[in-house]
């Protein structure tokens, strides 16, 4: 067997392995979303149920993805880690939002095991009909596991162009606003969520990290000077664009095989 055929066989084997694994949801730990609407407020809770005989250490993420009038998309997430004893059911996260019957809304609960594989999943959609909701959440990883094209729809949703604000200071918030404005002006509209995270570093200093799918793209220490922040916006936009271009090239290479 020549080298090219060997590579093809290897790729097929890897895809089949990932496909087989990625189809197993809610077998060991079940994800469940419950909702209740009262006077224009939607109360949301996500629970995890350990159906196995073993104690499970899990990570969860409960996301509220909204597409309001005017195609304004937003996503809010709550995440954390818990330990579930065998046969234990536990409320993982609760939230409440103002809700209009005209809003297109998706609720998504993902549960990950210790190796960060998705093992539990639940999803509820409100007013999903009509135009597809163009928002983004962390199911790009799952789409890749199912060897889908990264720009294709998952479960009827195209998820694009979301930049999450996880800043803590005024300077961090100023950077986020400049970065997001530049992101829109450059029409990047990437297929993966971009996270602008700010964390405390040495002393009273803070550090900005630009991440895509948990991959660190760029990081720097925060200063309040506008010119300094603008220069770093340009650097980060270039890095993000390069990341998405590489992602598309890799996806196209896989499709050729």
C-alpha atoms as a PDB file:
ATOM      1  CA  UNK A   1       0.000   0.000   0.000  1.00  0.00           C
ATOM      2  CA  UNK A   2       1.486   3.391  -1.009  1.00  0.00           C
ATOM      3  CA  UNK A   3       1.854   6.302   1.365  1.00  0.00           C
ATOM      4  CA  UNK A   4      -1.158   8.251   0.038  1.00  0.00           C
ATOM      5  CA  UNK A   5      -3.500   5.275   0.427  1.00  0.00           C
ATOM      6  CA  UNK A   6      -2.154   4.679   3.929  1.00  0.00           C
ATOM      7  CA  UNK A   7      -2.945   8.270   4.867  1.00  0.00           C
ATOM      8  CA  UNK A   8      -6.477   7.925   3.500  1.00  0.00           C
ATOM      9  CA  UNK A   9      -7.059   4.733   5.494  1.00  0.00           C
ATOM     10  CA  UNK A  10      -5.747   6.444   8.628  1.00  0.00           C
ATOM     11  CA  UNK A  11      -8.029   9.444   8.144  1.00  0.00           C
ATOM     12  CA  UNK A  12     -11.056   7.206   7.584  1.00  0.00           C
ATOM     13  CA  UNK A  13     -10.220   5.217  10.707  1.00  0.00           C
ATOM     14  CA  UNK A  14      -9.871   8.357  12.818  1.00  0.00           C
ATOM     15  CA  UNK A  15     -13.145   9.784  11.508  1.00  0.00           C
ATOM     16  CA  UNK A  16     -15.022   6.558  12.163  1.00  0.00           C
ATOM     17  CA  UNK A  17     -13.619   6.392  15.682  1.00  0.00           C
ATOM     18  CA  UNK A  18     -14.624   9.962  16.460  1.00  0.00           C
ATOM     19  CA  UNK A  19     -18.031   9.485  14.853  1.00  0.00           C
ATOM     20  CA  UNK A  20     -18.757   6.389  16.922  1.00  0.00           C
ATOM     21  CA  UNK A  21     -17.807   8.106  20.145  1.00  0.00           C
ATOM     22  CA  UNK A  22     -19.553  11.401  19.430  1.00  0.00           C
ATOM     23  CA  UNK A  23     -22.936   9.735  19.016  1.00  0.00           C
ATOM     24  CA  UNK A  24     -23.025   8.550  22.647  1.00  0.00           C
ATOM     25  CA  UNK A  25     -24.844  11.232  24.620  1.00  0.00           C
ATOM     26  CA  UNK A  26     -26.765  10.992  27.906  1.00  0.00           C
ATOM     27  CA  UNK A  27     -25.761   7.365  28.411  1.00  0.00           C
ATOM     28  CA  UNK A  28     -23.686   7.807  31.569  1.00  0.00           C
ATOM     29  CA  UNK A  29     -24.638  11.361  32.524  1.00  0.00           C
ATOM     30  CA  UNK A  30     -27.900  12.817  31.272  1.00  0.00           C
ATOM     31  CA  UNK A  31     -28.295  16.539  30.589  1.00  0.00           C
ATOM     32  CA  UNK A  32     -31.753  18.044  31.044  1.00  0.00           C
ATOM     33  CA  UNK A  33     -33.091  21.590  30.639  1.00  0.00           C
ATOM     34  CA  UNK A  34     -36.298  22.651  32.394  1.00  0.00           C
ATOM     35  CA  UNK A  35     -38.111  25.918  31.718  1.00  0.00           C
ATOM     36  CA  UNK A  36     -41.009  27.853  33.210  1.00  0.00           C
ATOM     37  CA  UNK A  37     -42.440  31.090  31.868  1.00  0.00           C
ATOM     38  CA  UNK A  38     -44.097  33.640  34.177  1.00  0.00           C
ATOM     39  CA  UNK A  39     -45.231  37.110  33.135  1.00  0.00           C
ATOM     40  CA  UNK A  40     -42.611  37.640  30.444  1.00  0.00           C
ATOM     41  CA  UNK A  41     -39.766  36.008  32.373  1.00  0.00           C
ATOM     42  CA  UNK A  42     -38.339  32.637  31.377  1.00  0.00           C
ATOM     43  CA  UNK A  43     -36.855  30.641  34.259  1.00  0.00           C
ATOM     44  CA  UNK A  44     -34.234  28.142  33.094  1.00  0.00           C
ATOM     45  CA  UNK A  45     -32.491  25.369  34.985  1.00  0.00           C
ATOM     46  CA  UNK A  46     -30.042  22.731  33.822  1.00  0.00           C
ATOM     47  CA  UNK A  47     -29.612  19.436  35.644  1.00  0.00           C
ATOM     48  CA  UNK A  48     -27.205  16.536  35.399  1.00  0.00           C
ATOM     49  CA  UNK A  49     -28.137  12.962  36.258  1.00  0.00           C
ATOM     50  CA  UNK A  50     -25.376  10.410  36.809  1.00  0.00           C
ATOM     51  CA  UNK A  51     -26.876   7.145  35.572  1.00  0.00           C
ATOM     52  CA  UNK A  52     -23.656   5.159  35.950  1.00  0.00           C
ATOM     53  CA  UNK A  53     -22.325   3.146  38.872  1.00  0.00           C
ATOM     54  CA  UNK A  54     -19.282   5.392  39.181  1.00  0.00           C
ATOM     55  CA  UNK A  55     -18.703   8.858  40.592  1.00  0.00           C
ATOM     56  CA  UNK A  56     -18.389  11.321  37.703  1.00  0.00           C
ATOM     57  CA  UNK A  57     -16.365  14.540  37.677  1.00  0.00           C
ATOM     58  CA  UNK A  58     -17.959  16.715  35.011  1.00  0.00           C
ATOM     59  CA  UNK A  59     -17.823  20.164  33.468  1.00  0.00           C
ATOM     60  CA  UNK A  60     -21.037  21.791  32.277  1.00  0.00           C
ATOM     61  CA  UNK A  61     -22.028  24.779  30.164  1.00  0.00           C
ATOM     62  CA  UNK A  62     -25.551  26.166  29.988  1.00  0.00           C
ATOM     63  CA  UNK A  63     -25.953  28.616  27.089  1.00  0.00           C
ATOM     64  CA  UNK A  64     -28.793  30.968  26.234  1.00  0.00           C
ATOM     65  CA  UNK A  65     -28.591  31.981  22.573  1.00  0.00           C
ATOM     66  CA  UNK A  66     -30.973  34.692  21.459  1.00  0.00           C
ATOM     67  CA  UNK A  67     -31.776  36.205  18.085  1.00  0.00           C
ATOM     68  CA  UNK A  68     -34.018  39.243  18.634  1.00  0.00           C
ATOM     69  CA  UNK A  69     -35.802  41.567  16.261  1.00  0.00           C
ATOM     70  CA  UNK A  70     -33.328  43.100  13.811  1.00  0.00           C
ATOM     71  CA  UNK A  71     -31.133  39.946  13.816  1.00  0.00           C
ATOM     72  CA  UNK A  72     -29.265  41.034  16.942  1.00  0.00           C
ATOM     73  CA  UNK A  73     -27.577  37.868  18.201  1.00  0.00           C
ATOM     74  CA  UNK A  74     -26.301  37.286  21.706  1.00  0.00           C
ATOM     75  CA  UNK A  75     -25.110  34.408  23.814  1.00  0.00           C
ATOM     76  CA  UNK A  76     -24.802  34.127  27.575  1.00  0.00           C
ATOM     77  CA  UNK A  77     -23.267  31.104  29.237  1.00  0.00           C
ATOM     78  CA  UNK A  78     -22.817  29.728  32.723  1.00  0.00           C
ATOM     79  CA  UNK A  79     -20.257  27.016  33.322  1.00  0.00           C
ATOM     80  CA  UNK A  80     -18.605  25.149  36.143  1.00  0.00           C
ATOM     81  CA  UNK A  81     -17.373  21.815  37.455  1.00  0.00           C
ATOM     82  CA  UNK A  82     -19.135  19.436  39.835  1.00  0.00           C
ATOM     83  CA  UNK A  83     -18.838  15.886  41.084  1.00  0.00           C
ATOM     84  CA  UNK A  84     -21.897  13.646  40.728  1.00  0.00           C
ATOM     85  CA  UNK A  85     -22.204  10.534  42.844  1.00  0.00           C
ATOM     86  CA  UNK A  86     -23.679   7.409  41.305  1.00  0.00           C
ATOM     87  CA  UNK A  87     -27.419   7.858  40.582  1.00  0.00           C
ATOM     88  CA  UNK A  88     -27.275  11.451  41.801  1.00  0.00           C
ATOM     89  CA  UNK A  89     -29.309  14.172  40.068  1.00  0.00           C
ATOM     90  CA  UNK A  90     -28.198  17.736  40.669  1.00  0.00           C
ATOM     91  CA  UNK A  91     -29.154  21.217  39.492  1.00  0.00           C
ATOM     92  CA  UNK A  92     -26.063  22.526  37.731  1.00  0.00           C
ATOM     93  CA  UNK A  93     -27.124  26.034  36.793  1.00  0.00           C
ATOM     94  CA  UNK A  94     -30.131  28.343  36.895  1.00  0.00           C
ATOM     95  CA  UNK A  95     -30.853  31.638  35.161  1.00  0.00           C
ATOM     96  CA  UNK A  96     -33.759  33.829  34.165  1.00  0.00           C
ATOM     97  CA  UNK A  97     -34.251  36.115  31.165  1.00  0.00           C
ATOM     98  CA  UNK A  98     -36.819  38.552  29.839  1.00  0.00           C
ATOM     99  CA  UNK A  99     -38.589  36.722  27.053  1.00  0.00           C
ATOM    100  CA  UNK A 100     -40.688  37.917  24.144  1.00  0.00           C
ATOM    101  CA  UNK A 101     -42.675  35.423  22.105  1.00  0.00           C
ATOM    102  CA  UNK A 102     -41.129  36.987  19.002  1.00  0.00           C
ATOM    103  CA  UNK A 103     -37.562  36.163  20.067  1.00  0.00           C
ATOM    104  CA  UNK A 104     -35.785  33.213  18.532  1.00  0.00           C
ATOM    105  CA  UNK A 105     -34.187  31.443  21.423  1.00  0.00           C
ATOM    106  CA  UNK A 106     -32.022  28.370  21.858  1.00  0.00           C
ATOM    107  CA  UNK A 107     -31.142  26.839  25.224  1.00  0.00           C
ATOM    108  CA  UNK A 108     -28.217  24.451  25.183  1.00  0.00           C
ATOM    109  CA  UNK A 109     -26.783  22.362  28.016  1.00  0.00           C
ATOM    110  CA  UNK A 110     -23.542  20.470  27.403  1.00  0.00           C
ATOM    111  CA  UNK A 111     -21.870  18.143  29.895  1.00  0.00           C
ATOM    112  CA  UNK A 112     -18.217  17.151  29.474  1.00  0.00           C
ATOM    113  CA  UNK A 113     -16.249  14.360  31.111  1.00  0.00           C
ATOM    114  CA  UNK A 114     -12.780  14.706  32.664  1.00  0.00           C
ATOM    115  CA  UNK A 115     -11.197  14.485  29.196  1.00  0.00           C
ATOM    116  CA  UNK A 116     -13.419  17.292  27.877  1.00  0.00           C
ATOM    117  CA  UNK A 117     -15.508  14.976  25.697  1.00  0.00           C
ATOM    118  CA  UNK A 118     -19.208  15.783  25.386  1.00  0.00           C
ATOM    119  CA  UNK A 119     -21.166  13.047  27.191  1.00  0.00           C
ATOM    120  CA  UNK A 120     -24.479  14.805  27.885  1.00  0.00           C
ATOM    121  CA  UNK A 121     -26.523  17.184  25.785  1.00  0.00           C
ATOM    122  CA  UNK A 122     -29.955  18.794  25.823  1.00  0.00           C
ATOM    123  CA  UNK A 123     -31.348  21.532  23.611  1.00  0.00           C
ATOM    124  CA  UNK A 124     -34.616  23.493  23.547  1.00  0.00           C
ATOM    125  CA  UNK A 125     -35.555  25.939  20.780  1.00  0.00           C
ATOM    126  CA  UNK A 126     -38.244  28.627  20.830  1.00  0.00           C
ATOM    127  CA  UNK A 127     -39.584  30.164  17.581  1.00  0.00           C
ATOM    128  CA  UNK A 128     -36.887  28.485  15.536  1.00  0.00           C
ATOM    129  CA  UNK A 129     -38.850  28.581  12.285  1.00  0.00           C
ATOM    130  CA  UNK A 130     -38.175  31.016   9.473  1.00  0.00           C
ATOM    131  CA  UNK A 131     -34.668  32.344   9.001  1.00  0.00           C
ATOM    132  CA  UNK A 132     -31.936  30.271  10.578  1.00  0.00           C
ATOM    133  CA  UNK A 133     -30.424  31.765  13.690  1.00  0.00           C
ATOM    134  CA  UNK A 134     -26.876  32.888  12.991  1.00  0.00           C
ATOM    135  CA  UNK A 135     -25.201  32.602  16.349  1.00  0.00           C
ATOM    136  CA  UNK A 136     -22.234  30.670  17.642  1.00  0.00           C
ATOM    137  CA  UNK A 137     -21.564  28.369  20.536  1.00  0.00           C
ATOM    138  CA  UNK A 138     -19.043  25.727  21.391  1.00  0.00           C
ATOM    139  CA  UNK A 139     -20.581  22.979  19.295  1.00  0.00           C
ATOM    140  CA  UNK A 140     -17.994  23.621  16.576  1.00  0.00           C
ATOM    141  CA  UNK A 141     -15.889  21.053  18.413  1.00  0.00           C
ATOM    142  CA  UNK A 142     -18.764  18.595  18.190  1.00  0.00           C
ATOM    143  CA  UNK A 143     -19.273  19.356  14.492  1.00  0.00           C
ATOM    144  CA  UNK A 144     -15.600  18.574  13.860  1.00  0.00           C
ATOM    145  CA  UNK A 145     -15.974  15.294  15.762  1.00  0.00           C
ATOM    146  CA  UNK A 146     -18.804  14.405  13.399  1.00  0.00           C
ATOM    147  CA  UNK A 147     -16.496  15.281  10.455  1.00  0.00           C
ATOM    148  CA  UNK A 148     -18.899  17.972   9.292  1.00  0.00           C
ATOM    149  CA  UNK A 149     -17.686  21.020   7.424  1.00  0.00           C
ATOM    150  CA  UNK A 150     -17.019  23.729  10.020  1.00  0.00           C
ATOM    151  CA  UNK A 151     -19.196  26.238   8.182  1.00  0.00           C
ATOM    152  CA  UNK A 152     -22.156  23.875   7.842  1.00  0.00           C
ATOM    153  CA  UNK A 153     -25.296  23.951   9.971  1.00  0.00           C
ATOM    154  CA  UNK A 154     -25.601  21.841  13.109  1.00  0.00           C
ATOM    155  CA  UNK A 155     -29.090  20.720  14.000  1.00  0.00           C
ATOM    156  CA  UNK A 156     -30.534  23.383  11.686  1.00  0.00           C
ATOM    157  CA  UNK A 157     -28.476  26.259  13.089  1.00  0.00           C
ATOM    158  CA  UNK A 158     -25.642  28.217  11.501  1.00  0.00           C
ATOM    159  CA  UNK A 159     -23.474  29.478  14.315  1.00  0.00           C
ATOM    160  CA  UNK A 160     -21.269  32.431  13.376  1.00  0.00           C
ATOM    161  CA  UNK A 161     -19.757  35.695  14.408  1.00  0.00           C
ATOM    162  CA  UNK A 162     -20.002  35.703  18.206  1.00  0.00           C
ATOM    163  CA  UNK A 163     -17.387  37.534  20.306  1.00  0.00           C
ATOM    164  CA  UNK A 164     -17.812  36.981  24.040  1.00  0.00           C
ATOM    165  CA  UNK A 165     -16.927  39.674  26.564  1.00  0.00           C
ATOM    166  CA  UNK A 166     -15.264  38.263  29.691  1.00  0.00           C
ATOM    167  CA  UNK A 167     -13.456  41.427  30.748  1.00  0.00           C
ATOM    168  CA  UNK A 168     -13.355  42.766  34.309  1.00  0.00           C
ATOM    169  CA  UNK A 169     -11.989  46.318  34.204  1.00  0.00           C
ATOM    170  CA  UNK A 170     -12.832  49.515  32.330  1.00  0.00           C
ATOM    171  CA  UNK A 171      -9.657  49.220  30.253  1.00  0.00           C
ATOM    172  CA  UNK A 172     -10.509  45.624  29.416  1.00  0.00           C
ATOM    173  CA  UNK A 173     -14.020  46.629  28.433  1.00  0.00           C
ATOM    174  CA  UNK A 174     -12.633  49.466  26.258  1.00  0.00           C
ATOM    175  CA  UNK A 175     -10.414  46.947  24.475  1.00  0.00           C
ATOM    176  CA  UNK A 176     -13.337  44.573  23.940  1.00  0.00           C
ATOM    177  CA  UNK A 177     -15.471  47.314  22.384  1.00  0.00           C
ATOM    178  CA  UNK A 178     -12.656  48.370  20.046  1.00  0.00           C
ATOM    179  CA  UNK A 179     -11.870  44.754  19.152  1.00  0.00           C
ATOM    180  CA  UNK A 180     -15.502  43.870  18.461  1.00  0.00           C
ATOM    181  CA  UNK A 181     -15.994  46.993  16.339  1.00  0.00           C
ATOM    182  CA  UNK A 182     -12.912  46.087  14.280  1.00  0.00           C
ATOM    183  CA  UNK A 183     -14.087  42.457  14.037  1.00  0.00           C
ATOM    184  CA  UNK A 184     -17.387  43.632  12.526  1.00  0.00           C
ATOM    185  CA  UNK A 185     -15.769  46.227  10.264  1.00  0.00           C
ATOM    186  CA  UNK A 186     -13.429  43.581   8.868  1.00  0.00           C
ATOM    187  CA  UNK A 187     -16.437  41.296   8.248  1.00  0.00           C
ATOM    188  CA  UNK A 188     -14.648  38.307   9.726  1.00  0.00           C
ATOM    189  CA  UNK A 189     -17.828  36.516  10.894  1.00  0.00           C
ATOM    190  CA  UNK A 190     -15.825  33.471  11.997  1.00  0.00           C
ATOM    191  CA  UNK A 191     -17.427  30.052  12.486  1.00  0.00           C
ATOM    192  CA  UNK A 192     -16.054  29.763  16.044  1.00  0.00           C
ATOM    193  CA  UNK A 193     -16.651  31.828  19.153  1.00  0.00           C
ATOM    194  CA  UNK A 194     -13.930  34.381  19.921  1.00  0.00           C
ATOM    195  CA  UNK A 195     -13.478  34.945  23.661  1.00  0.00           C
ATOM    196  CA  UNK A 196     -11.961  38.138  25.042  1.00  0.00           C
ATOM    197  CA  UNK A 197     -10.985  37.065  28.563  1.00  0.00           C
ATOM    198  CA  UNK A 198      -9.421  39.266  31.225  1.00  0.00           C
ATOM    199  CA  UNK A 199      -7.751  37.754  34.275  1.00  0.00           C
ATOM    200  CA  UNK A 200      -5.758  39.140  37.182  1.00  0.00           C
ATOM    201  CA  UNK A 201      -1.992  38.774  36.851  1.00  0.00           C
ATOM    202  CA  UNK A 202       0.835  40.032  39.047  1.00  0.00           C
ATOM    203  CA  UNK A 203      -0.208  42.559  41.661  1.00  0.00           C
ATOM    204  CA  UNK A 204      -3.057  44.723  40.421  1.00  0.00           C
ATOM    205  CA  UNK A 205      -2.264  44.105  36.761  1.00  0.00           C
ATOM    206  CA  UNK A 206      -4.659  42.300  34.483  1.00  0.00           C
ATOM    207  CA  UNK A 207      -4.056  40.327  31.325  1.00  0.00           C
ATOM    208  CA  UNK A 208      -6.193  39.984  28.202  1.00  0.00           C
ATOM    209  CA  UNK A 209      -6.333  36.627  26.441  1.00  0.00           C
ATOM    210  CA  UNK A 210      -7.886  36.122  23.018  1.00  0.00           C
ATOM    211  CA  UNK A 211      -9.106  32.529  22.689  1.00  0.00           C
ATOM    212  CA  UNK A 212     -10.864  30.503  20.026  1.00  0.00           C
ATOM    213  CA  UNK A 213     -12.140  27.036  20.992  1.00  0.00           C
ATOM    214  CA  UNK A 214      -9.907  27.072  24.108  1.00  0.00           C
ATOM    215  CA  UNK A 215      -6.850  27.797  21.923  1.00  0.00           C
ATOM    216  CA  UNK A 216      -4.866  30.841  23.020  1.00  0.00           C
ATOM    217  CA  UNK A 217      -4.461  33.199  20.064  1.00  0.00           C
ATOM    218  CA  UNK A 218      -2.776  36.155  21.769  1.00  0.00           C
ATOM    219  CA  UNK A 219      -2.304  37.641  25.235  1.00  0.00           C
ATOM    220  CA  UNK A 220      -0.999  40.896  26.674  1.00  0.00           C
ATOM    221  CA  UNK A 221      -0.975  42.993  29.839  1.00  0.00           C
ATOM    222  CA  UNK A 222      -3.660  45.667  29.987  1.00  0.00           C
ATOM    223  CA  UNK A 223      -2.916  49.385  30.008  1.00  0.00           C
ATOM    224  CA  UNK A 224      -5.464  52.164  29.945  1.00  0.00           C
ATOM    225  CA  UNK A 225      -3.846  54.156  27.107  1.00  0.00           C
ATOM    226  CA  UNK A 226      -6.137  54.240  24.075  1.00  0.00           C
ATOM    227  CA  UNK A 227      -3.300  54.165  21.502  1.00  0.00           C
ATOM    228  CA  UNK A 228      -1.814  51.107  23.190  1.00  0.00           C
ATOM    229  CA  UNK A 229      -5.144  49.260  23.121  1.00  0.00           C
ATOM    230  CA  UNK A 230      -5.783  50.226  19.473  1.00  0.00           C
ATOM    231  CA  UNK A 231      -2.401  48.853  18.406  1.00  0.00           C
ATOM    232  CA  UNK A 232      -3.167  45.550  20.112  1.00  0.00           C
ATOM    233  CA  UNK A 233      -6.613  45.408  18.504  1.00  0.00           C
ATOM    234  CA  UNK A 234      -4.872  45.382  15.109  1.00  0.00           C
ATOM    235  CA  UNK A 235      -2.522  42.603  16.220  1.00  0.00           C
ATOM    236  CA  UNK A 236      -5.333  40.468  17.621  1.00  0.00           C
ATOM    237  CA  UNK A 237      -7.552  40.929  14.558  1.00  0.00           C
ATOM    238  CA  UNK A 238      -4.710  39.712  12.323  1.00  0.00           C
ATOM    239  CA  UNK A 239      -4.146  36.676  14.552  1.00  0.00           C
ATOM    240  CA  UNK A 240      -7.867  35.813  14.598  1.00  0.00           C
ATOM    241  CA  UNK A 241      -8.151  36.159  10.826  1.00  0.00           C
ATOM    242  CA  UNK A 242      -5.129  33.907  10.335  1.00  0.00           C
ATOM    243  CA  UNK A 243      -6.649  31.313  12.665  1.00  0.00           C
ATOM    244  CA  UNK A 244      -9.934  31.170  10.731  1.00  0.00           C
ATOM    245  CA  UNK A 245      -8.155  31.045   7.374  1.00  0.00           C
ATOM    246  CA  UNK A 246      -6.069  28.117   8.599  1.00  0.00           C
ATOM    247  CA  UNK A 247      -9.201  26.407   9.916  1.00  0.00           C
ATOM    248  CA  UNK A 248     -10.909  26.694   6.522  1.00  0.00           C
ATOM    249  CA  UNK A 249      -7.833  25.366   4.700  1.00  0.00           C
ATOM    250  CA  UNK A 250      -7.646  22.349   7.008  1.00  0.00           C
ATOM    251  CA  UNK A 251     -11.344  21.634   6.542  1.00  0.00           C
ATOM    252  CA  UNK A 252     -10.988  21.825   2.751  1.00  0.00           C
ATOM    253  CA  UNK A 253      -7.972  19.504   2.899  1.00  0.00           C
ATOM    254  CA  UNK A 254      -9.956  16.932   4.859  1.00  0.00           C
ATOM    255  CA  UNK A 255     -12.871  17.176   2.407  1.00  0.00           C
ATOM    256  CA  UNK A 256     -10.540  16.342  -0.495  1.00  0.00           C
ATOM    257  CA  UNK A 257      -9.762  13.038   1.199  1.00  0.00           C
END
